[in-house]
Amino acid sequence: MNHTITIVLFSLLCIIASCKKEQPQMKPLLEDCSCANEVSADFLIEEQAHNNSNIPNLYSETDTIFANKFVRFTAKEKNAEYKWYAGAELLTDEQFARYFPEEFTGSNLPIALVVKKKPNLLCFPNDDGYDSIIKYVHVAPKYTADQGYLPLKGTYRLYAPHLNDSIDVVFDVYCPLGMSNMFDLYNFDGMGNNSIFNSAFGNINYREFQQLQVGSTIYGGYYFSIRKNMDGKVRFKLDGRGTNTHHFEYNGRKL
């Protein structure tokens, strides 16, 4: 009898073992922490080219702006509790924008953010879920079309892929008597060709211009864009406006 029971139990164990699902391999505990971050109060400061919601805008990350411009502030940490301290204001949104009038010219204005959020203790066991930071916005003189003040004018050393070499391009902005700002581009193709007396109209921020119209050249017309990042790196683009025009895109620095 005992022998029979032993055989039955052994058979049941074999059946159970054969029906048992294969278990997936357990991942290492911290394998998915490569993309995780501690709770941070860091935020973006972006100058706006204008405040007209009916037309496309230009937002340029910066620490310096023209006076009489709107600036957008955006927390990088998502789905958290926010406390912004902007002058006498206390705000709690993830993002907000404010106008900086000419009276602030020359000022370094502090903007503070405090962020609170449930931390990822699996990846960061010492994170308390709280962070704060203060950044400053420097207000430069306002841009006007009849003054010619544009800090991006100057000489740039850029890498030209079509030549597989570096070139120097001059971007000059000036204001003829009785006229608005005009600009010239010298050696824009790296082969000595220029485009002069172009109207400086487009989206204009302290660190970035977008879609300034360049008149006729040997290649045709262009939309001209230039951006100088806070690390000093420059992106320089000429987008051809016609079917037979070229496209130039360079990276480099201002001399």
Protein backbone atom coordinates (compact mmCIF):
# COMPACT_ATOMS: atom_id res chain seq x y z
CA MET A 1 0.00 0.00 0.00
CA ASN A 2 2.76 2.40 0.93
CA HIS A 3 4.55 1.54 -2.30
CA THR A 4 1.40 2.40 -4.28
CA ILE A 5 1.04 5.78 -2.54
CA THR A 6 4.67 6.58 -3.26
CA ILE A 7 4.19 5.90 -6.95
CA VAL A 8 1.04 8.07 -7.09
CA LEU A 9 2.74 10.99 -5.29
CA PHE A 10 5.75 10.78 -7.57
CA SER A 11 3.49 10.83 -10.64
CA LEU A 12 1.62 13.90 -9.35
CA LEU A 13 4.89 15.76 -8.74
CA CYS A 14 6.03 15.00 -12.27
CA ILE A 15 2.73 16.32 -13.71
CA ILE A 16 2.94 19.51 -11.64
CA ALA A 17 6.55 20.09 -12.66
CA SER A 18 5.75 19.60 -16.34
CA CYS A 19 2.83 22.10 -16.18
CA LYS A 20 4.72 24.80 -14.29
CA LYS A 21 5.20 28.01 -16.32
CA GLU A 22 8.72 29.10 -17.10
CA GLN A 23 9.52 32.17 -15.01
CA PRO A 24 11.13 35.19 -16.73
CA GLN A 25 14.60 36.15 -15.68
CA MET A 26 14.72 38.85 -13.03
CA LYS A 27 16.41 42.03 -14.17
CA PRO A 28 19.20 43.45 -12.07
CA LEU A 29 17.77 45.80 -9.47
CA LEU A 30 19.27 49.02 -10.89
CA GLU A 31 19.27 48.09 -14.58
CA ASP A 32 16.47 50.58 -15.44
CA CYS A 33 18.06 53.55 -13.65
CA SER A 34 20.20 54.64 -16.58
CA CYS A 35 17.54 57.13 -17.72
CA ALA A 36 16.40 58.15 -14.23
CA ASN A 37 17.25 61.42 -12.53
CA GLU A 38 17.04 62.87 -9.08
CA VAL A 39 14.32 65.46 -8.53
CA SER A 40 15.60 68.72 -10.04
CA ALA A 41 14.47 72.35 -9.96
CA ASP A 42 16.33 73.24 -13.17
CA PHE A 43 14.32 75.29 -15.68
CA LEU A 44 14.50 76.82 -19.14
CA ILE A 45 14.67 80.55 -19.82
CA GLU A 46 13.45 81.34 -23.34
CA GLU A 47 13.18 84.77 -24.94
CA GLN A 48 10.14 85.19 -27.20
CA ALA A 49 10.40 87.04 -30.49
CA HIS A 50 6.90 88.46 -29.97
CA ASN A 51 3.66 87.83 -28.08
CA ASN A 52 1.25 87.41 -30.98
CA SER A 53 -0.41 83.99 -30.70
CA ASN A 54 -1.74 84.23 -34.28
CA ILE A 55 1.67 83.84 -35.94
CA PRO A 56 4.58 81.41 -35.38
CA ASN A 57 6.90 82.46 -32.57
CA LEU A 58 10.59 81.97 -31.91
CA TYR A 59 11.69 80.76 -28.47
CA SER A 60 15.42 81.01 -27.80
CA GLU A 61 17.05 79.47 -24.72
CA THR A 62 19.17 82.16 -23.13
CA ASP A 63 20.36 83.97 -20.03
CA THR A 64 20.27 87.40 -21.72
CA ILE A 65 17.33 89.12 -23.42
CA PHE A 66 16.46 92.37 -25.15
CA ALA A 67 14.43 94.79 -23.04
CA ASN A 68 10.75 95.12 -23.94
CA LYS A 69 10.46 91.38 -24.60
CA PHE A 70 8.44 88.51 -23.15
CA VAL A 71 10.31 85.59 -21.58
CA ARG A 72 8.98 82.06 -21.03
CA PHE A 73 10.06 80.02 -17.99
CA THR A 74 9.54 76.24 -18.01
CA ALA A 75 10.36 73.71 -15.29
CA LYS A 76 12.21 70.67 -16.61
CA GLU A 77 10.77 68.39 -13.92
CA LYS A 78 7.32 67.19 -14.95
CA ASN A 79 4.29 66.38 -12.78
CA ALA A 80 5.63 68.00 -9.63
CA GLU A 81 4.74 70.76 -7.18
CA TYR A 82 6.22 74.12 -8.19
CA LYS A 83 6.88 77.38 -6.40
CA TRP A 84 8.30 80.17 -8.53
CA TYR A 85 9.60 83.38 -6.99
CA ALA A 86 9.70 86.12 -9.62
CA GLY A 87 10.04 89.54 -8.06
CA ALA A 88 7.10 89.92 -5.68
CA GLU A 89 5.16 87.12 -7.39
CA LEU A 90 4.67 83.55 -6.20
CA LEU A 91 3.52 81.21 -8.98
CA THR A 92 2.71 77.48 -8.96
CA ASP A 93 2.41 76.57 -12.66
CA GLU A 94 4.86 74.41 -14.56
CA GLN A 95 5.33 77.21 -17.08
CA PHE A 96 4.70 80.97 -17.21
CA ALA A 97 5.75 84.04 -19.21
CA ARG A 98 6.48 87.61 -18.14
CA TYR A 99 7.26 90.91 -19.85
CA PHE A 100 10.54 92.71 -19.10
CA PRO A 101 10.19 96.46 -19.83
CA GLU A 102 12.96 98.85 -20.78
CA GLU A 103 13.28 100.13 -17.21
CA PHE A 104 15.05 96.85 -16.34
CA THR A 105 17.86 97.47 -18.85
CA GLY A 106 21.22 96.55 -17.36
CA SER A 107 19.69 94.51 -14.53
CA ASN A 108 20.38 90.91 -13.52
CA LEU A 109 16.98 89.74 -12.29
CA PRO A 110 16.72 86.61 -10.10
CA ILE A 111 14.13 83.92 -10.82
CA ALA A 112 13.89 81.13 -8.22
CA LEU A 113 12.14 77.77 -8.44
CA VAL A 114 11.41 75.22 -5.70
CA VAL A 115 10.30 71.75 -6.81
CA LYS A 116 8.81 68.97 -4.70
CA LYS A 117 8.03 65.52 -6.05
CA LYS A 118 7.90 61.88 -4.91
CA PRO A 119 11.48 60.67 -5.46
CA ASN A 120 12.63 57.48 -7.16
CA LEU A 121 14.12 55.84 -4.08
CA LEU A 122 14.92 52.62 -5.92
CA CYS A 123 17.49 54.45 -8.07
CA PHE A 124 18.29 57.32 -5.68
CA PRO A 125 17.81 56.19 -2.07
CA ASN A 126 19.18 59.50 -0.73
CA ASP A 127 16.90 61.76 -2.78
CA ASP A 128 14.52 63.70 -0.52
CA GLY A 129 12.30 64.80 -3.44
CA TYR A 130 13.08 68.48 -2.91
CA ASP A 131 15.26 70.86 -4.91
CA SER A 132 15.66 74.59 -5.46
CA ILE A 133 17.61 76.83 -7.80
CA ILE A 134 18.10 80.52 -8.65
CA LYS A 135 18.88 81.73 -12.16
CA TYR A 136 19.38 85.27 -13.42
CA VAL A 137 18.03 87.03 -16.49
CA HIS A 138 20.27 89.81 -17.80
CA VAL A 139 18.33 92.54 -19.61
CA ALA A 140 20.24 94.11 -22.52
CA PRO A 141 19.21 97.33 -24.32
CA LYS A 142 16.07 96.97 -26.40
CA TYR A 143 16.26 96.11 -30.08
CA THR A 144 14.86 98.70 -32.45
CA ALA A 145 14.91 98.73 -36.23
CA ASP A 146 16.44 102.22 -36.35
CA GLN A 147 19.40 101.76 -33.99
CA GLY A 148 21.40 98.95 -35.55
CA TYR A 149 22.22 97.33 -32.19
CA LEU A 150 22.49 93.58 -32.71
CA PRO A 151 25.06 91.57 -30.73
CA LEU A 152 25.13 88.77 -33.31
CA LYS A 153 26.76 90.91 -35.98
CA GLY A 154 30.44 90.16 -36.56
CA THR A 155 32.77 87.61 -38.13
CA TYR A 156 32.18 83.86 -37.83
CA ARG A 157 34.49 80.94 -38.43
CA LEU A 158 32.34 78.10 -39.66
CA TYR A 159 32.77 74.62 -41.06
CA ALA A 160 31.43 74.39 -44.63
CA PRO A 161 30.57 70.77 -45.55
CA HIS A 162 30.43 71.53 -49.30
CA LEU A 163 34.07 72.65 -49.15
CA ASN A 164 35.19 70.25 -46.43
CA ASP A 165 36.96 73.22 -44.86
CA SER A 166 36.49 76.17 -42.48
CA ILE A 167 35.45 79.57 -43.83
CA ASP A 168 35.03 83.07 -42.40
CA VAL A 169 31.65 84.72 -42.95
CA VAL A 170 30.95 88.35 -42.03
CA PHE A 171 27.48 89.37 -40.87
CA ASP A 172 27.21 93.17 -40.71
CA VAL A 173 24.18 95.09 -39.44
CA TYR A 174 23.84 98.84 -39.88
CA CYS A 175 21.26 101.59 -40.10
CA PRO A 176 21.42 103.94 -43.14
CA LEU A 177 20.16 107.45 -42.57
CA GLY A 178 16.38 107.54 -42.63
CA MET A 179 16.06 103.76 -43.02
CA SER A 180 15.60 100.74 -40.77
CA ASN A 181 18.27 98.14 -40.05
CA MET A 182 19.95 96.58 -43.06
CA PHE A 183 22.44 93.70 -43.15
CA ASP A 184 25.20 92.39 -45.39
CA LEU A 185 26.63 88.88 -45.71
CA TYR A 186 30.19 88.56 -46.98
CA ASN A 187 31.67 85.27 -48.24
CA PHE A 188 28.49 83.42 -47.28
CA ASP A 189 29.33 80.48 -49.59
CA GLY A 190 33.05 80.35 -48.75
CA MET A 191 33.92 81.29 -52.32
CA GLY A 192 33.90 85.07 -52.01
CA ASN A 193 30.28 85.76 -52.90
CA ASN A 194 28.34 88.43 -50.99
CA SER A 195 24.78 89.62 -50.48
CA ILE A 196 24.40 93.23 -49.38
CA PHE A 197 21.71 95.72 -48.41
CA ASN A 198 19.14 93.25 -47.06
CA SER A 199 16.30 94.39 -44.77
CA ALA A 200 16.64 93.10 -41.20
CA PHE A 201 13.06 91.91 -40.73
CA GLY A 202 12.15 88.56 -39.19
CA ASN A 203 12.05 86.92 -35.77
CA ILE A 204 14.83 88.57 -33.77
CA ASN A 205 16.01 87.56 -30.28
CA TYR A 206 19.22 88.34 -28.44
CA ARG A 207 20.85 85.00 -29.35
CA GLU A 208 18.94 84.09 -32.47
CA PHE A 209 17.54 85.44 -35.73
CA GLN A 210 15.16 83.42 -37.82
CA GLN A 211 14.08 83.84 -41.45
CA LEU A 212 15.69 87.17 -42.29
CA GLN A 213 15.18 87.59 -46.02
CA VAL A 214 18.31 87.67 -48.14
CA GLY A 215 17.86 89.23 -51.58
CA SER A 216 19.08 87.96 -54.91
CA THR A 217 22.56 86.46 -55.15
CA ILE A 218 24.20 84.37 -57.85
CA TYR A 219 22.28 81.45 -56.29
CA GLY A 220 18.95 83.25 -55.72
CA GLY A 221 17.22 84.43 -52.54
CA TYR A 222 17.34 82.92 -49.05
CA TYR A 223 15.85 82.82 -45.61
CA PHE A 224 18.75 83.44 -43.24
CA SER A 225 18.89 82.09 -39.66
CA ILE A 226 21.64 82.26 -37.07
CA ARG A 227 21.79 81.05 -33.50
CA LYS A 228 24.50 81.41 -30.87
CA ASN A 229 24.09 78.94 -28.00
CA MET A 230 25.06 79.76 -24.45
CA ASP A 231 28.15 77.55 -24.85
CA GLY A 232 29.31 79.79 -27.71
CA LYS A 233 28.58 77.34 -30.53
CA VAL A 234 26.92 78.88 -33.58
CA ARG A 235 24.52 77.44 -36.16
CA PHE A 236 24.32 79.38 -39.43
CA LYS A 237 21.72 78.56 -42.12
CA LEU A 238 20.71 79.86 -45.53
CA ASP A 239 17.57 78.16 -46.86
CA GLY A 240 17.07 78.70 -50.58
CA ARG A 241 13.74 80.30 -51.49
CA GLY A 242 13.63 79.10 -55.09
CA THR A 243 13.70 75.73 -56.83
CA ASN A 244 17.23 76.26 -58.15
CA THR A 245 18.81 77.81 -55.06
CA HIS A 246 21.36 76.12 -52.86
CA HIS A 247 21.14 75.36 -49.16
CA PHE A 248 23.99 76.25 -46.81
CA GLU A 249 24.22 75.10 -43.21
CA TYR A 250 27.31 75.68 -41.07
CA ASN A 251 28.42 75.19 -37.46
CA GLY A 252 31.19 77.11 -35.76
CA ARG A 253 31.86 80.09 -33.52
CA LYS A 254 32.02 83.86 -33.50
CA LEU A 255 35.52 85.38 -33.69
